[in-house]
Amino acid sequence: MKNSNNTLTDTLLTALAPAIWGSTYLVTTQLLPSGYPLTLAMLRALPIGLILLVLLRQLPSGIWWLRVFVLGALNFTLFWALLFISAYRLPGGVAATVGAIQPLMVILFSWLLFRDAPRRLALLAGAAGIFGVALLVLTPSAKLDAIGIGAGLLGAVSMAIGTTLSKRWRPSVPLLTFTAWQLSAGGLLLLPLALWFEPPLPALSGRNIVGFVYLGLIGAGLTYWLWFRGLQKLQAAAASSLGLLSPVTATLLGWLVLEQHLSSLQILGAAVILLSVWLGQWAARPATAAPRPISQPETARTAAN
């Protein structure tokens, strides 16, 4: 019972991360200047990462320098850059539907890299998640773009590999330190891209500063600490399936804050997503060992007693 309660607590805490990520679209469009995707991504990761490094005063050593930059590139630099390209070239619904393939990719890479055989229920949950996201956010008028589709798929691959490796690579440091390492590495790799491809930011308003502080402290520092914590506590596929909660939160915030219409198909899509998330957690449960048959001498002894 205690292990079951711990698993539920770990699942709920991990689910907070993608639920909060679902607010990124609202904060970005309402509080931040438009047209600076790489700069926004860099400012989301690098400041909070460096602040944590200064406070924690612990740097990687040995092989962990390479591993941290690999994870930072996969989880932040490549993923966020490709995510923004996909979002700019595709309608939001198409981009979200493409990204929903990530749980299936985590299952695939866990099998290819570490021989974790996939369970059929986990595959069913991943497929249901894609269908649910499509119902939730995909519109009949959505237009496809080959570059946008490719960027979305590569972004999902990047995050899936990063999720799988983050589960396997566990340094002997506090989790917050590990999070600071990855945020700093990802932000440092984004810095030259932002300086090269984008113009300088205009003078920031109070709303802009509030948006940056929220995305840095809450949308990056807190959420990725929760996410990496969840990867240590849960199976990678189970944690990844929780990422489908992000479009649900984004849609609900659009309905509540922006007064966007919520159709019956979207409600059905949200229900299918929640079902797929539940199936993903159910599929990750450890298999129960079959009871050992009682041999005949043991049966006789039991009867004699």
Protein backbone atom coordinates (compact mmCIF):
# COMPACT_ATOMS: atom_id res chain seq x y z
CA MET A 1 0.00 0.00 0.00
CA LYS A 2 2.84 2.38 0.87
CA ASN A 3 4.57 1.79 -2.48
CA SER A 4 1.27 2.38 -4.27
CA ASN A 5 0.79 5.70 -2.47
CA ASN A 6 4.36 6.73 -3.28
CA THR A 7 3.85 5.91 -6.96
CA LEU A 8 0.65 7.96 -7.04
CA THR A 9 2.42 10.92 -5.41
CA ASP A 10 5.33 10.67 -7.85
CA THR A 11 2.92 10.49 -10.80
CA LEU A 12 0.94 13.54 -9.67
CA LEU A 13 4.09 15.59 -9.04
CA THR A 14 5.50 14.62 -12.44
CA ALA A 15 2.18 15.45 -14.12
CA LEU A 16 2.47 19.02 -12.82
CA ALA A 17 5.37 19.64 -15.23
CA PRO A 18 3.52 19.10 -18.54
CA ALA A 19 0.38 20.67 -17.08
CA ILE A 20 2.37 23.86 -16.42
CA TRP A 21 4.08 23.60 -19.82
CA GLY A 22 0.61 23.89 -21.31
CA SER A 23 0.56 27.52 -20.15
CA THR A 24 3.62 28.40 -22.26
CA TYR A 25 1.57 29.31 -25.34
CA LEU A 26 -0.68 31.64 -23.36
CA VAL A 27 2.23 33.35 -21.59
CA THR A 28 4.26 33.65 -24.79
CA THR A 29 1.46 35.18 -26.85
CA GLN A 30 0.08 37.45 -24.13
CA LEU A 31 3.18 38.61 -22.22
CA LEU A 32 6.27 38.24 -24.44
CA PRO A 33 7.46 40.01 -27.62
CA SER A 34 6.79 38.02 -30.79
CA GLY A 35 9.32 36.97 -33.41
CA TYR A 36 12.18 35.90 -31.11
CA PRO A 37 11.76 32.13 -30.64
CA LEU A 38 15.44 31.25 -30.10
CA THR A 39 16.03 34.24 -27.83
CA LEU A 40 12.97 33.39 -25.75
CA ALA A 41 14.08 29.77 -25.47
CA MET A 42 17.59 30.84 -24.42
CA LEU A 43 16.28 33.29 -21.83
CA ARG A 44 13.96 30.62 -20.50
CA ALA A 45 16.84 28.23 -19.77
CA LEU A 46 20.13 30.07 -19.29
CA PRO A 47 19.40 32.66 -16.53
CA ILE A 48 17.70 30.22 -14.15
CA GLY A 49 20.37 27.60 -14.89
CA LEU A 50 23.23 29.98 -14.08
CA ILE A 51 21.48 31.29 -10.95
CA LEU A 52 21.09 27.73 -9.68
CA LEU A 53 24.73 26.97 -10.48
CA VAL A 54 25.88 29.99 -8.46
CA LEU A 55 23.68 29.01 -5.52
CA LEU A 56 24.55 25.30 -5.59
CA ARG A 57 28.26 25.76 -6.39
CA GLN A 58 28.81 22.37 -7.95
CA LEU A 59 29.98 21.69 -11.51
CA PRO A 60 30.13 18.44 -13.47
CA SER A 61 33.31 16.42 -13.53
CA GLY A 62 34.80 13.82 -15.85
CA ILE A 63 32.40 12.16 -18.27
CA TRP A 64 29.52 14.22 -16.89
CA TRP A 65 30.67 17.32 -18.82
CA LEU A 66 29.94 15.47 -22.06
CA ARG A 67 26.75 13.85 -20.79
CA VAL A 68 25.33 17.11 -19.47
CA PHE A 69 25.86 18.89 -22.79
CA VAL A 70 24.36 15.94 -24.68
CA LEU A 71 21.28 16.01 -22.43
CA GLY A 72 21.09 19.82 -22.53
CA ALA A 73 21.19 19.73 -26.33
CA LEU A 74 18.52 17.02 -26.58
CA ASN A 75 16.13 18.24 -23.87
CA PHE A 76 16.48 22.00 -24.47
CA THR A 77 18.55 23.27 -27.40
CA LEU A 78 17.34 20.99 -30.20
CA PHE A 79 13.90 20.33 -28.75
CA TRP A 80 12.98 23.96 -28.15
CA ALA A 81 14.51 25.22 -31.42
CA LEU A 82 12.69 22.57 -33.48
CA LEU A 83 9.52 23.09 -31.47
CA PHE A 84 9.47 26.79 -32.33
CA ILE A 85 10.17 26.09 -36.02
CA SER A 86 7.28 23.63 -36.06
CA ALA A 87 4.99 26.05 -34.23
CA TYR A 88 5.81 28.89 -36.64
CA ARG A 89 5.32 26.83 -39.81
CA LEU A 90 2.33 24.75 -38.73
CA PRO A 91 -1.03 25.52 -37.16
CA GLY A 92 -0.93 24.80 -33.45
CA GLY A 93 -3.13 21.74 -33.81
CA VAL A 94 -0.88 20.08 -36.38
CA ALA A 95 2.25 20.88 -34.34
CA ALA A 96 0.72 19.43 -31.17
CA THR A 97 -0.45 16.30 -32.99
CA VAL A 98 3.02 15.69 -34.43
CA GLY A 99 4.56 16.16 -30.98
CA ALA A 100 2.13 13.68 -29.46
CA ILE A 101 4.11 10.85 -31.05
CA GLN A 102 6.79 11.34 -28.38
CA PRO A 103 5.52 8.67 -25.90
CA LEU A 104 5.71 6.04 -28.64
CA MET A 105 9.22 7.19 -29.51
CA VAL A 106 10.31 6.87 -25.87
CA ILE A 107 9.07 3.29 -25.93
CA LEU A 108 10.96 2.70 -29.20
CA PHE A 109 14.26 4.18 -28.00
CA SER A 110 14.03 2.39 -24.64
CA TRP A 111 13.78 -0.83 -26.62
CA LEU A 112 16.52 0.00 -29.17
CA LEU A 113 19.04 1.49 -26.71
CA PHE A 114 18.42 -0.53 -23.55
CA ARG A 115 16.40 -3.57 -24.64
CA ASP A 116 13.34 -2.63 -22.60
CA ALA A 117 10.70 -4.67 -24.39
CA PRO A 118 7.54 -2.61 -25.00
CA ARG A 119 4.22 -3.71 -23.58
CA ARG A 120 1.23 -3.86 -25.91
CA LEU A 121 -0.87 -1.80 -23.51
CA ALA A 122 1.78 0.96 -23.56
CA LEU A 123 1.71 0.99 -27.36
CA LEU A 124 -2.09 1.18 -27.29
CA ALA A 125 -1.91 4.07 -24.83
CA GLY A 126 0.53 5.95 -27.09
CA ALA A 127 -1.69 5.48 -30.14
CA ALA A 128 -4.75 6.59 -28.18
CA GLY A 129 -2.86 9.68 -27.05
CA ILE A 130 -2.12 10.73 -30.63
CA PHE A 131 -5.78 10.23 -31.57
CA GLY A 132 -6.95 12.21 -28.54
CA VAL A 133 -4.62 15.14 -29.25
CA ALA A 134 -5.79 15.16 -32.87
CA LEU A 135 -9.41 15.41 -31.71
CA LEU A 136 -8.51 18.09 -29.18
CA VAL A 137 -6.52 20.51 -31.31
CA LEU A 138 -6.64 19.54 -35.01
CA THR A 139 -9.05 21.54 -37.17
CA PRO A 140 -10.37 20.62 -40.65
CA SER A 141 -8.72 23.74 -42.12
CA ALA A 142 -5.25 22.86 -40.84
CA LYS A 143 -2.55 23.16 -43.50
CA LEU A 144 0.48 20.91 -43.71
CA ASP A 145 4.06 22.05 -44.29
CA ALA A 146 6.86 19.57 -44.96
CA ILE A 147 9.53 21.54 -43.06
CA GLY A 148 7.19 22.10 -40.13
CA ILE A 149 6.23 18.42 -40.00
CA GLY A 150 9.89 17.41 -40.19
CA ALA A 151 10.88 19.84 -37.42
CA GLY A 152 8.05 18.57 -35.22
CA LEU A 153 9.08 14.95 -35.71
CA LEU A 154 12.77 15.69 -35.10
CA GLY A 155 11.83 17.67 -31.97
CA ALA A 156 9.83 14.73 -30.67
CA VAL A 157 12.78 12.42 -31.42
CA SER A 158 15.18 14.77 -29.60
CA MET A 159 13.03 14.94 -26.47
CA ALA A 160 12.34 11.20 -26.58
CA ILE A 161 16.06 10.35 -26.67
CA GLY A 162 16.73 12.95 -23.97
CA THR A 163 14.00 11.45 -21.80
CA THR A 164 15.36 7.93 -22.29
CA LEU A 165 18.96 8.93 -21.51
CA SER A 166 17.93 11.08 -18.54
CA LYS A 167 16.33 7.98 -17.07
CA ARG A 168 19.56 5.99 -17.46
CA TRP A 169 22.19 8.62 -16.65
CA ARG A 170 21.93 9.43 -12.96
CA PRO A 171 24.82 11.42 -11.44
CA SER A 172 25.52 11.18 -7.72
CA VAL A 173 24.46 14.79 -7.11
CA PRO A 174 21.19 16.32 -5.88
CA LEU A 175 18.47 16.43 -8.52
CA LEU A 176 18.33 20.23 -8.47
CA THR A 177 22.04 20.33 -9.34
CA PHE A 178 21.46 17.93 -12.25
CA THR A 179 18.63 20.17 -13.45
CA ALA A 180 20.85 23.26 -13.21
CA TRP A 181 23.56 21.56 -15.27
CA GLN A 182 21.16 20.71 -18.09
CA LEU A 183 19.44 24.12 -18.14
CA SER A 184 22.81 25.89 -18.27
CA ALA A 185 24.17 23.62 -20.99
CA GLY A 186 21.03 23.91 -23.11
CA GLY A 187 20.95 27.70 -22.66
CA LEU A 188 24.63 28.09 -23.53
CA LEU A 189 24.12 26.12 -26.74
CA LEU A 190 21.10 28.29 -27.61
CA LEU A 191 22.98 31.54 -27.00
CA PRO A 192 25.03 31.64 -30.25
CA LEU A 193 21.98 30.56 -32.27
CA ALA A 194 19.90 33.40 -30.84
CA LEU A 195 22.67 35.97 -31.39
CA TRP A 196 23.31 34.81 -34.96
CA PHE A 197 19.78 34.32 -36.29
CA GLU A 198 17.71 36.93 -34.42
CA PRO A 199 17.93 40.70 -33.85
CA PRO A 200 18.32 42.14 -30.34
CA LEU A 201 15.24 42.26 -28.15
CA PRO A 202 13.41 45.58 -27.89
CA ALA A 203 13.12 47.40 -24.56
CA LEU A 204 11.18 45.12 -22.22
CA SER A 205 7.94 46.18 -20.60
CA GLY A 206 6.70 45.14 -17.19
CA ARG A 207 4.50 42.48 -18.82
CA ASN A 208 7.51 41.11 -20.70
CA ILE A 209 9.54 40.84 -17.50
CA VAL A 210 6.69 39.03 -15.72
CA GLY A 211 6.48 36.59 -18.63
CA PHE A 212 10.22 35.90 -18.61
CA VAL A 213 10.30 35.41 -14.84
CA TYR A 214 7.36 32.99 -15.02
CA LEU A 215 8.85 30.94 -17.87
CA GLY A 216 12.27 30.85 -16.19
CA LEU A 217 11.35 30.10 -12.58
CA ILE A 218 8.14 28.12 -13.08
CA GLY A 219 8.14 27.01 -16.72
CA ALA A 220 11.75 25.83 -16.68
CA GLY A 221 13.36 25.62 -13.20
CA LEU A 222 10.46 24.12 -11.24
CA THR A 223 8.92 22.03 -14.00
CA TYR A 224 12.14 20.42 -15.20
CA TRP A 225 13.13 19.63 -11.63
CA LEU A 226 9.77 17.86 -11.28
CA TRP A 227 10.23 16.20 -14.68
CA PHE A 228 13.72 14.85 -14.00
CA ARG A 229 12.55 13.75 -10.55
CA GLY A 230 9.73 11.84 -12.21
CA LEU A 231 12.15 10.17 -14.62
CA GLN A 232 14.05 8.83 -11.61
CA LYS A 233 10.92 7.56 -9.91
CA LEU A 234 8.79 6.34 -12.85
CA GLN A 235 9.37 4.35 -16.00
CA ALA A 236 10.37 6.55 -18.93
CA ALA A 237 7.33 5.56 -20.99
CA ALA A 238 4.96 6.26 -18.07
CA ALA A 239 6.48 9.69 -17.48
CA SER A 240 6.44 10.52 -21.18
CA SER A 241 2.74 9.70 -21.48
CA LEU A 242 2.08 12.43 -18.91
CA GLY A 243 3.38 14.93 -21.48
CA LEU A 244 0.05 14.60 -23.28
CA LEU A 245 -1.48 16.68 -20.50
CA SER A 246 0.22 19.77 -21.97
CA PRO A 247 -2.22 20.30 -24.91
CA VAL A 248 -5.13 19.64 -22.54
CA THR A 249 -3.96 22.48 -20.27
CA ALA A 250 -3.32 24.75 -23.26
CA THR A 251 -6.83 24.16 -24.59
CA LEU A 252 -8.47 24.69 -21.19
CA LEU A 253 -6.55 27.95 -20.66
CA GLY A 254 -7.60 29.13 -24.10
CA TRP A 255 -11.20 28.45 -23.16
CA LEU A 256 -11.00 30.01 -19.69
CA VAL A 257 -8.73 33.00 -20.36
CA LEU A 258 -9.03 33.74 -24.07
CA GLU A 259 -12.72 32.72 -24.31
CA GLN A 260 -12.03 30.30 -27.14
CA HIS A 261 -14.81 27.93 -28.18
CA LEU A 262 -14.66 24.37 -26.86
CA SER A 263 -16.45 21.87 -29.11
CA SER A 264 -17.83 18.46 -28.27
CA LEU A 265 -15.03 16.83 -30.30
CA GLN A 266 -12.45 18.67 -28.21
CA ILE A 267 -14.10 17.46 -25.01
CA LEU A 268 -14.02 13.92 -26.40
CA GLY A 269 -10.35 14.39 -27.32
CA ALA A 270 -9.52 15.51 -23.79
CA ALA A 271 -11.29 12.44 -22.40
CA VAL A 272 -9.35 10.15 -24.77
CA ILE A 273 -6.07 11.80 -23.71
CA LEU A 274 -6.84 11.28 -20.04
CA LEU A 275 -7.71 7.65 -20.80
CA SER A 276 -4.44 7.19 -22.69
CA VAL A 277 -2.48 8.70 -19.78
CA TRP A 278 -4.20 6.32 -17.37
CA LEU A 279 -3.44 3.37 -19.67
CA GLY A 280 0.18 4.49 -19.87
CA GLN A 281 0.48 4.44 -16.08
CA TRP A 282 -1.32 1.09 -15.86
CA ALA A 283 1.01 -0.43 -18.47
CA ALA A 284 4.03 0.67 -16.42
CA ARG A 285 2.99 -1.29 -13.35
CA PRO A 286 5.48 -4.02 -12.41
CA ALA A 287 4.32 -7.47 -13.35
CA THR A 288 3.17 -9.46 -10.35
CA ALA A 289 4.90 -12.75 -9.87
CA ALA A 290 2.73 -15.83 -10.13
CA PRO A 291 2.20 -17.60 -6.79
CA ARG A 292 4.60 -20.51 -6.24
CA PRO A 293 2.75 -23.82 -6.33
CA ILE A 294 2.86 -25.75 -3.06
CA SER A 295 4.65 -29.04 -3.41
CA GLN A 296 3.06 -32.25 -2.16
CA PRO A 297 5.31 -32.62 0.94
CA GLU A 298 4.54 -29.01 1.92
CA THR A 299 0.83 -29.74 1.50
CA ALA A 300 1.16 -32.76 3.76
CA ARG A 301 3.04 -30.77 6.41
CA THR A 302 0.39 -28.03 6.26
CA ALA A 303 -2.38 -30.55 6.73
CA ALA A 304 -0.53 -32.18 9.64
CA ASN A 305 -0.17 -28.84 11.38
